[in-house]
């Protein structure tokens, strides 16, 4: 069975990792599905992953960011591990 670490290339640095984590934390603390018309979890996901600047994080990390926003206590540690894996290769 492949893990998220097996599916991610190494292309990001520490500052990108920290910025994605910061944005995911802000999103998790402020997310409300009914915040405003046209606002979506996909918008939040894109904002969180924007610091990766052209690096495709892959579907597993995209899903994990959304899961972390919706349930941070359950998914935060896995998001940190995935970003470290992406950074360290």
PDB file of N, CA and C in Angstrom:
ATOM      1  N   UNK A   1       0.841  -1.176   0.000  1.00  0.00           N
ATOM      2  CA  UNK A   1       0.000   0.000   0.000  1.00  0.00           C
ATOM      3  C   UNK A   1       0.888   1.243   0.000  1.00  0.00           C
ATOM      4  N   UNK A   2       0.592   2.166  -0.894  1.00  0.00           N
ATOM      5  CA  UNK A   2       1.350   3.414  -0.956  1.00  0.00           C
ATOM      6  C   UNK A   2       0.874   4.372   0.123  1.00  0.00           C
ATOM      7  N   UNK A   3       1.830   5.048   0.723  1.00  0.00           N
ATOM      8  CA  UNK A   3       1.486   6.101   1.673  1.00  0.00           C
ATOM      9  C   UNK A   3       1.582   7.440   0.957  1.00  0.00           C
ATOM     10  N   UNK A   4       1.127   8.486   1.628  1.00  0.00           N
ATOM     11  CA  UNK A   4       1.197   9.808   1.018  1.00  0.00           C
ATOM     12  C   UNK A   4       2.652  10.195   0.757  1.00  0.00           C
ATOM     13  N   UNK A   5       3.566   9.728   1.582  1.00  0.00           N
ATOM     14  CA  UNK A   5       4.992  10.015   1.398  1.00  0.00           C
ATOM     15  C   UNK A   5       5.510   9.406   0.099  1.00  0.00           C
ATOM     16  N   UNK A   6       5.000   8.247  -0.281  1.00  0.00           N
ATOM     17  CA  UNK A   6       5.438   7.577  -1.505  1.00  0.00           C
ATOM     18  C   UNK A   6       4.952   8.277  -2.765  1.00  0.00           C
ATOM     19  N   UNK A   7       3.921   9.083  -2.659  1.00  0.00           N
ATOM     20  CA  UNK A   7       3.318   9.674  -3.846  1.00  0.00           C
ATOM     21  C   UNK A   7       3.706  11.127  -4.080  1.00  0.00           C
ATOM     22  N   UNK A   8       4.477  11.733  -3.170  1.00  0.00           N
ATOM     23  CA  UNK A   8       4.787  13.153  -3.287  1.00  0.00           C
ATOM     24  C   UNK A   8       6.236  13.384  -3.695  1.00  0.00           C
ATOM     25  N   UNK A   9       6.481  14.249  -4.684  1.00  0.00           N
ATOM     26  CA  UNK A   9       7.847  14.611  -5.031  1.00  0.00           C
ATOM     27  C   UNK A   9       8.389  15.637  -4.042  1.00  0.00           C
ATOM     28  N   UNK A  10       9.707  15.822  -4.006  1.00  0.00           N
ATOM     29  CA  UNK A  10      10.323  16.799  -3.122  1.00  0.00           C
ATOM     30  C   UNK A  10      10.638  18.066  -3.902  1.00  0.00           C
ATOM     31  N   UNK A  11       9.860  19.123  -3.663  1.00  0.00           N
ATOM     32  CA  UNK A  11      10.055  20.351  -4.411  1.00  0.00           C
ATOM     33  C   UNK A  11       9.866  21.617  -3.592  1.00  0.00           C
ATOM     34  N   UNK A  12       9.620  21.531  -2.311  1.00  0.00           N
ATOM     35  CA  UNK A  12       9.323  22.738  -1.554  1.00  0.00           C
ATOM     36  C   UNK A  12      10.357  22.946  -0.458  1.00  0.00           C
ATOM     37  N   UNK A  13      10.453  24.198   0.017  1.00  0.00           N
ATOM     38  CA  UNK A  13      11.382  24.488   1.106  1.00  0.00           C
ATOM     39  C   UNK A  13      10.613  24.709   2.414  1.00  0.00           C
ATOM     40  N   UNK A  14      11.361  24.961   3.467  1.00  0.00           N
ATOM     41  CA  UNK A  14      10.758  25.071   4.792  1.00  0.00           C
ATOM     42  C   UNK A  14       9.760  26.228   4.878  1.00  0.00           C
ATOM     43  N   UNK A  15      10.074  27.351   4.268  1.00  0.00           N
ATOM     44  CA  UNK A  15       9.157  28.496   4.361  1.00  0.00           C
ATOM     45  C   UNK A  15       7.823  28.193   3.679  1.00  0.00           C
ATOM     46  N   UNK A  16       7.853  27.459   2.579  1.00  0.00           N
ATOM     47  CA  UNK A  16       6.605  27.065   1.924  1.00  0.00           C
ATOM     48  C   UNK A  16       5.813  26.117   2.820  1.00  0.00           C
ATOM     49  N   UNK A  17       6.505  25.180   3.438  1.00  0.00           N
ATOM     50  CA  UNK A  17       5.858  24.236   4.351  1.00  0.00           C
ATOM     51  C   UNK A  17       5.164  24.985   5.487  1.00  0.00           C
ATOM     52  N   UNK A  18       5.881  25.922   6.093  1.00  0.00           N
ATOM     53  CA  UNK A  18       5.321  26.678   7.211  1.00  0.00           C
ATOM     54  C   UNK A  18       4.138  27.544   6.778  1.00  0.00           C
ATOM     55  N   UNK A  19       4.227  28.121   5.589  1.00  0.00           N
ATOM     56  CA  UNK A  19       3.138  28.973   5.114  1.00  0.00           C
ATOM     57  C   UNK A  19       1.878  28.164   4.829  1.00  0.00           C
ATOM     58  N   UNK A  20       2.035  26.987   4.227  1.00  0.00           N
ATOM     59  CA  UNK A  20       0.874  26.119   3.982  1.00  0.00           C
ATOM     60  C   UNK A  20       0.245  25.710   5.317  1.00  0.00           C
ATOM     61  N   UNK A  21       1.054  25.341   6.292  1.00  0.00           N
ATOM     62  CA  UNK A  21       0.526  24.965   7.603  1.00  0.00           C
ATOM     63  C   UNK A  21      -0.190  26.138   8.274  1.00  0.00           C
ATOM     64  N   UNK A  22       0.396  27.319   8.191  1.00  0.00           N
ATOM     65  CA  UNK A  22      -0.223  28.511   8.766  1.00  0.00           C
ATOM     66  C   UNK A  22      -1.585  28.768   8.126  1.00  0.00           C
ATOM     67  N   UNK A  23      -1.617  28.724   6.798  1.00  0.00           N
ATOM     68  CA  UNK A  23      -2.874  28.983   6.093  1.00  0.00           C
ATOM     69  C   UNK A  23      -3.927  27.927   6.401  1.00  0.00           C
ATOM     70  N   UNK A  24      -3.511  26.668   6.504  1.00  0.00           N
ATOM     71  CA  UNK A  24      -4.463  25.603   6.850  1.00  0.00           C
ATOM     72  C   UNK A  24      -5.022  25.837   8.254  1.00  0.00           C
ATOM     73  N   UNK A  25      -4.167  26.297   9.171  1.00  0.00           N
ATOM     74  CA  UNK A  25      -4.631  26.585  10.532  1.00  0.00           C
ATOM     75  C   UNK A  25      -5.634  27.740  10.541  1.00  0.00           C
ATOM     76  N   UNK A  26      -5.324  28.806   9.815  1.00  0.00           N
ATOM     77  CA  UNK A  26      -6.247  29.942   9.730  1.00  0.00           C
ATOM     78  C   UNK A  26      -7.571  29.491   9.126  1.00  0.00           C
ATOM     79  N   UNK A  27      -7.497  28.714   8.062  1.00  0.00           N
ATOM     80  CA  UNK A  27      -8.718  28.223   7.417  1.00  0.00           C
ATOM     81  C   UNK A  27      -9.531  27.346   8.358  1.00  0.00           C
ATOM     82  N   UNK A  28      -8.857  26.486   9.095  1.00  0.00           N
ATOM     83  CA  UNK A  28      -9.563  25.602  10.031  1.00  0.00           C
ATOM     84  C   UNK A  28     -10.268  26.398  11.122  1.00  0.00           C
ATOM     85  N   UNK A  29      -9.635  27.478  11.562  1.00  0.00           N
ATOM     86  CA  UNK A  29     -10.230  28.291  12.628  1.00  0.00           C
ATOM     87  C   UNK A  29     -11.353  29.194  12.142  1.00  0.00           C
ATOM     88  N   UNK A  30     -11.344  29.537  10.861  1.00  0.00           N
ATOM     89  CA  UNK A  30     -12.318  30.496  10.356  1.00  0.00           C
ATOM     90  C   UNK A  30     -13.333  29.917   9.390  1.00  0.00           C
ATOM     91  N   UNK A  31     -13.193  28.654   9.021  1.00  0.00           N
ATOM     92  CA  UNK A  31     -14.071  28.052   8.009  1.00  0.00           C
ATOM     93  C   UNK A  31     -15.511  28.007   8.482  1.00  0.00           C
ATOM     94  N   UNK A  32     -16.379  28.511   7.631  1.00  0.00           N
ATOM     95  CA  UNK A  32     -17.829  28.384   7.805  1.00  0.00           C
ATOM     96  C   UNK A  32     -18.411  28.177   6.432  1.00  0.00           C
ATOM     97  N   UNK A  33     -19.101  27.108   6.239  1.00  0.00           N
ATOM     98  CA  UNK A  33     -19.666  26.780   4.929  1.00  0.00           C
ATOM     99  C   UNK A  33     -20.669  27.835   4.473  1.00  0.00           C
ATOM    100  N   UNK A  34     -21.304  28.505   5.414  1.00  0.00           N
ATOM    101  CA  UNK A  34     -22.324  29.491   5.069  1.00  0.00           C
ATOM    102  C   UNK A  34     -21.796  30.927   5.133  1.00  0.00           C
ATOM    103  N   UNK A  35     -20.481  31.116   5.052  1.00  0.00           N
ATOM    104  CA  UNK A  35     -19.874  32.434   5.231  1.00  0.00           C
ATOM    105  C   UNK A  35     -20.384  33.473   4.244  1.00  0.00           C
ATOM    106  N   UNK A  36     -20.368  33.160   2.970  1.00  0.00           N
ATOM    107  CA  UNK A  36     -20.874  34.091   1.958  1.00  0.00           C
ATOM    108  C   UNK A  36     -21.184  33.318   0.685  1.00  0.00           C
ATOM    109  N   UNK A  37     -22.094  33.820  -0.113  1.00  0.00           N
ATOM    110  CA  UNK A  37     -22.424  33.132  -1.367  1.00  0.00           C
ATOM    111  C   UNK A  37     -21.195  33.018  -2.277  1.00  0.00           C
ATOM    112  N   UNK A  38     -21.059  31.867  -2.882  1.00  0.00           N
ATOM    113  CA  UNK A  38     -19.952  31.647  -3.805  1.00  0.00           C
ATOM    114  C   UNK A  38     -18.643  31.250  -3.149  1.00  0.00           C
ATOM    115  N   UNK A  39     -18.597  31.258  -1.844  1.00  0.00           N
ATOM    116  CA  UNK A  39     -17.391  30.888  -1.099  1.00  0.00           C
ATOM    117  C   UNK A  39     -17.373  29.377  -0.925  1.00  0.00           C
ATOM    118  N   UNK A  40     -16.247  28.732  -1.204  1.00  0.00           N
ATOM    119  CA  UNK A  40     -16.236  27.272  -1.144  1.00  0.00           C
ATOM    120  C   UNK A  40     -14.979  26.743  -0.472  1.00  0.00           C
ATOM    121  N   UNK A  41     -15.051  25.508  -0.074  1.00  0.00           N
ATOM    122  CA  UNK A  41     -13.894  24.835   0.522  1.00  0.00           C
ATOM    123  C   UNK A  41     -12.769  24.716  -0.502  1.00  0.00           C
ATOM    124  N   UNK A  42     -13.112  24.635  -1.771  1.00  0.00           N
ATOM    125  CA  UNK A  42     -12.091  24.576  -2.821  1.00  0.00           C
ATOM    126  C   UNK A  42     -11.305  25.882  -2.886  1.00  0.00           C
ATOM    127  N   UNK A  43     -11.980  27.008  -2.638  1.00  0.00           N
ATOM    128  CA  UNK A  43     -11.284  28.300  -2.576  1.00  0.00           C
ATOM    129  C   UNK A  43     -10.275  28.296  -1.429  1.00  0.00           C
ATOM    130  N   UNK A  44     -10.692  27.778  -0.295  1.00  0.00           N
ATOM    131  CA  UNK A  44      -9.789  27.688   0.860  1.00  0.00           C
ATOM    132  C   UNK A  44      -8.605  26.786   0.546  1.00  0.00           C
ATOM    133  N   UNK A  45      -8.885  25.653  -0.067  1.00  0.00           N
ATOM    134  CA  UNK A  45      -7.819  24.714  -0.424  1.00  0.00           C
ATOM    135  C   UNK A  45      -6.795  25.383  -1.341  1.00  0.00           C
ATOM    136  N   UNK A  46      -7.273  26.083  -2.349  1.00  0.00           N
ATOM    137  CA  UNK A  46      -6.365  26.772  -3.278  1.00  0.00           C
ATOM    138  C   UNK A  46      -5.521  27.817  -2.554  1.00  0.00           C
ATOM    139  N   UNK A  47      -6.154  28.564  -1.648  1.00  0.00           N
ATOM    140  CA  UNK A  47      -5.422  29.572  -0.887  1.00  0.00           C
ATOM    141  C   UNK A  47      -4.345  28.924  -0.018  1.00  0.00           C
ATOM    142  N   UNK A  48      -4.674  27.824   0.630  1.00  0.00           N
ATOM    143  CA  UNK A  48      -3.713  27.132   1.491  1.00  0.00           C
ATOM    144  C   UNK A  48      -2.511  26.614   0.697  1.00  0.00           C
ATOM    145  N   UNK A  49      -2.761  26.113  -0.498  1.00  0.00           N
ATOM    146  CA  UNK A  49      -1.696  25.499  -1.292  1.00  0.00           C
ATOM    147  C   UNK A  49      -0.983  26.483  -2.224  1.00  0.00           C
ATOM    148  N   UNK A  50      -1.450  27.714  -2.297  1.00  0.00           N
ATOM    149  CA  UNK A  50      -0.839  28.712  -3.186  1.00  0.00           C
ATOM    150  C   UNK A  50       0.656  28.922  -2.940  1.00  0.00           C
ATOM    151  N   UNK A  51       1.156  28.845  -1.716  1.00  0.00           N
ATOM    152  CA  UNK A  51       2.593  29.047  -1.501  1.00  0.00           C
ATOM    153  C   UNK A  51       3.487  28.005  -2.194  1.00  0.00           C
ATOM    154  N   UNK A  52       2.903  26.928  -2.661  1.00  0.00           N
ATOM    155  CA  UNK A  52       3.712  25.911  -3.342  1.00  0.00           C
ATOM    156  C   UNK A  52       4.146  26.360  -4.735  1.00  0.00           C
ATOM    157  N   UNK A  53       3.626  27.488  -5.209  1.00  0.00           N
ATOM    158  CA  UNK A  53       4.062  28.159  -6.435  1.00  0.00           C
ATOM    159  C   UNK A  53       4.355  27.223  -7.597  1.00  0.00           C
ATOM    160  N   UNK A  54       3.322  26.659  -8.158  1.00  0.00           N
ATOM    161  CA  UNK A  54       3.477  25.863  -9.365  1.00  0.00           C
ATOM    162  C   UNK A  54       3.826  24.406  -9.143  1.00  0.00           C
ATOM    163  N   UNK A  55       4.122  24.006  -7.919  1.00  0.00           N
ATOM    164  CA  UNK A  55       4.382  22.598  -7.622  1.00  0.00           C
ATOM    165  C   UNK A  55       3.034  21.916  -7.427  1.00  0.00           C
ATOM    166  N   UNK A  56       2.781  20.874  -8.195  1.00  0.00           N
ATOM    167  CA  UNK A  56       1.526  20.142  -8.038  1.00  0.00           C
ATOM    168  C   UNK A  56       1.642  19.242  -6.819  1.00  0.00           C
ATOM    169  N   UNK A  57       0.876  19.533  -5.758  1.00  0.00           N
ATOM    170  CA  UNK A  57       0.991  18.740  -4.543  1.00  0.00           C
ATOM    171  C   UNK A  57       0.370  17.359  -4.661  1.00  0.00           C
ATOM    172  N   UNK A  58      -0.403  17.125  -5.695  1.00  0.00           N
ATOM    173  CA  UNK A  58      -1.048  15.833  -5.869  1.00  0.00           C
ATOM    174  C   UNK A  58      -2.373  15.762  -5.136  1.00  0.00           C
ATOM    175  N   UNK A  59      -3.190  14.852  -5.596  1.00  0.00           N
ATOM    176  CA  UNK A  59      -4.528  14.698  -5.030  1.00  0.00           C
ATOM    177  C   UNK A  59      -4.512  14.338  -3.546  1.00  0.00           C
ATOM    178  N   UNK A  60      -3.638  13.434  -3.074  1.00  0.00           N
ATOM    179  CA  UNK A  60      -3.683  13.098  -1.651  1.00  0.00           C
ATOM    180  C   UNK A  60      -3.486  14.312  -0.739  1.00  0.00           C
ATOM    181  N   UNK A  61      -2.571  15.197  -1.103  1.00  0.00           N
ATOM    182  CA  UNK A  61      -2.343  16.378  -0.270  1.00  0.00           C
ATOM    183  C   UNK A  61      -3.496  17.368  -0.395  1.00  0.00           C
ATOM    184  N   UNK A  62      -4.063  17.504  -1.563  1.00  0.00           N
ATOM    185  CA  UNK A  62      -5.221  18.389  -1.743  1.00  0.00           C
ATOM    186  C   UNK A  62      -6.385  17.929  -0.857  1.00  0.00           C
ATOM    187  N   UNK A  63      -6.637  16.644  -0.858  1.00  0.00           N
ATOM    188  CA  UNK A  63      -7.708  16.080  -0.027  1.00  0.00           C
ATOM    189  C   UNK A  63      -7.382  16.265   1.448  1.00  0.00           C
ATOM    190  N   UNK A  64      -6.140  16.053   1.811  1.00  0.00           N
ATOM    191  CA  UNK A  64      -5.742  16.183   3.207  1.00  0.00           C
ATOM    192  C   UNK A  64      -5.897  17.618   3.712  1.00  0.00           C
ATOM    193  N   UNK A  65      -5.622  18.599   2.879  1.00  0.00           N
ATOM    194  CA  UNK A  65      -5.815  19.998   3.275  1.00  0.00           C
ATOM    195  C   UNK A  65      -7.296  20.246   3.575  1.00  0.00           C
ATOM    196  N   UNK A  66      -8.164  19.796   2.706  1.00  0.00           N
ATOM    197  CA  UNK A  66      -9.605  19.970   2.940  1.00  0.00           C
ATOM    198  C   UNK A  66     -10.031  19.247   4.213  1.00  0.00           C
ATOM    199  N   UNK A  67      -9.575  18.021   4.393  1.00  0.00           N
ATOM    200  CA  UNK A  67      -9.935  17.266   5.601  1.00  0.00           C
ATOM    201  C   UNK A  67      -9.427  17.959   6.858  1.00  0.00           C
ATOM    202  N   UNK A  68      -8.261  18.582   6.787  1.00  0.00           N
ATOM    203  CA  UNK A  68      -7.709  19.301   7.936  1.00  0.00           C
ATOM    204  C   UNK A  68      -8.524  20.550   8.241  1.00  0.00           C
ATOM    205  N   UNK A  69      -8.966  21.249   7.218  1.00  0.00           N
ATOM    206  CA  UNK A  69      -9.803  22.429   7.439  1.00  0.00           C
ATOM    207  C   UNK A  69     -11.112  22.023   8.115  1.00  0.00           C
ATOM    208  N   UNK A  70     -11.702  20.937   7.663  1.00  0.00           N
ATOM    209  CA  UNK A  70     -13.000  20.500   8.189  1.00  0.00           C
ATOM    210  C   UNK A  70     -12.906  19.824   9.546  1.00  0.00           C
ATOM    211  N   UNK A  71     -11.777  19.150   9.834  1.00  0.00           N
ATOM    212  CA  UNK A  71     -11.596  18.446  11.104  1.00  0.00           C
ATOM    213  C   UNK A  71     -10.128  18.491  11.511  1.00  0.00           C
ATOM    214  N   UNK A  72      -9.671  19.651  12.001  1.00  0.00           N
ATOM    215  CA  UNK A  72      -8.246  19.820  12.273  1.00  0.00           C
ATOM    216  C   UNK A  72      -7.682  18.876  13.332  1.00  0.00           C
ATOM    217  N   UNK A  73      -8.436  18.584  14.353  1.00  0.00           N
ATOM    218  CA  UNK A  73      -7.897  17.735  15.412  1.00  0.00           C
ATOM    219  C   UNK A  73      -7.621  16.314  14.918  1.00  0.00           C
ATOM    220  N   UNK A  74      -8.347  15.882  13.927  1.00  0.00           N
ATOM    221  CA  UNK A  74      -8.170  14.528  13.408  1.00  0.00           C
ATOM    222  C   UNK A  74      -7.069  14.450  12.342  1.00  0.00           C
ATOM    223  N   UNK A  75      -6.842  15.535  11.598  1.00  0.00           N
ATOM    224  CA  UNK A  75      -5.982  15.464  10.422  1.00  0.00           C
ATOM    225  C   UNK A  75      -4.711  16.302  10.469  1.00  0.00           C
ATOM    226  N   UNK A  76      -4.535  17.115  11.473  1.00  0.00           N
ATOM    227  CA  UNK A  76      -3.403  18.038  11.521  1.00  0.00           C
ATOM    228  C   UNK A  76      -2.051  17.320  11.477  1.00  0.00           C
ATOM    229  N   UNK A  77      -1.882  16.310  12.284  1.00  0.00           N
ATOM    230  CA  UNK A  77      -0.593  15.606  12.334  1.00  0.00           C
ATOM    231  C   UNK A  77      -0.250  14.982  10.982  1.00  0.00           C
ATOM    232  N   UNK A  78      -1.241  14.426  10.315  1.00  0.00           N
ATOM    233  CA  UNK A  78      -0.990  13.828   9.006  1.00  0.00           C
ATOM    234  C   UNK A  78      -0.621  14.884   7.972  1.00  0.00           C
ATOM    235  N   UNK A  79      -1.226  16.069   8.054  1.00  0.00           N
ATOM    236  CA  UNK A  79      -0.878  17.159   7.144  1.00  0.00           C
ATOM    237  C   UNK A  79       0.567  17.594   7.375  1.00  0.00           C
ATOM    238  N   UNK A  80       0.960  17.732   8.616  1.00  0.00           N
ATOM    239  CA  UNK A  80       2.351  18.095   8.926  1.00  0.00           C
ATOM    240  C   UNK A  80       3.303  17.050   8.346  1.00  0.00           C
ATOM    241  N   UNK A  81       3.016  15.789   8.563  1.00  0.00           N
ATOM    242  CA  UNK A  81       3.869  14.710   8.038  1.00  0.00           C
ATOM    243  C   UNK A  81       3.940  14.736   6.521  1.00  0.00           C
ATOM    244  N   UNK A  82       2.819  14.987   5.867  1.00  0.00           N
ATOM    245  CA  UNK A  82       2.799  15.018   4.401  1.00  0.00           C
ATOM    246  C   UNK A  82       3.629  16.176   3.862  1.00  0.00           C
ATOM    247  N   UNK A  83       3.530  17.330   4.502  1.00  0.00           N
ATOM    248  CA  UNK A  83       4.315  18.482   4.051  1.00  0.00           C
ATOM    249  C   UNK A  83       5.804  18.294   4.313  1.00  0.00           C
ATOM    250  N   UNK A  84       6.149  17.696   5.427  1.00  0.00           N
ATOM    251  CA  UNK A  84       7.557  17.395   5.703  1.00  0.00           C
ATOM    252  C   UNK A  84       8.077  16.389   4.676  1.00  0.00           C
ATOM    253  N   UNK A  85       7.266  15.408   4.346  1.00  0.00           N
ATOM    254  CA  UNK A  85       7.665  14.431   3.329  1.00  0.00           C
ATOM    255  C   UNK A  85       7.865  15.101   1.972  1.00  0.00           C
ATOM    256  N   UNK A  86       7.003  16.043   1.652  1.00  0.00           N
ATOM    257  CA  UNK A  86       7.129  16.771   0.392  1.00  0.00           C
ATOM    258  C   UNK A  86       8.399  17.618   0.390  1.00  0.00           C
ATOM    259  N   UNK A  87       8.718  18.169   1.524  1.00  0.00           N
ATOM    260  CA  UNK A  87       9.923  18.990   1.656  1.00  0.00           C
ATOM    261  C   UNK A  87      11.194  18.141   1.645  1.00  0.00           C
ATOM    262  N   UNK A  88      11.177  17.041   2.369  1.00  0.00           N
ATOM    263  CA  UNK A  88      12.379  16.223   2.550  1.00  0.00           C
ATOM    264  C   UNK A  88      12.580  15.171   1.474  1.00  0.00           C
ATOM    265  N   UNK A  89      11.507  14.850   0.781  1.00  0.00           N
ATOM    266  CA  UNK A  89      11.609  13.854  -0.287  1.00  0.00           C
ATOM    267  C   UNK A  89      11.707  12.506   0.169  1.00  0.00           C
TER     268      UNK A  89
END
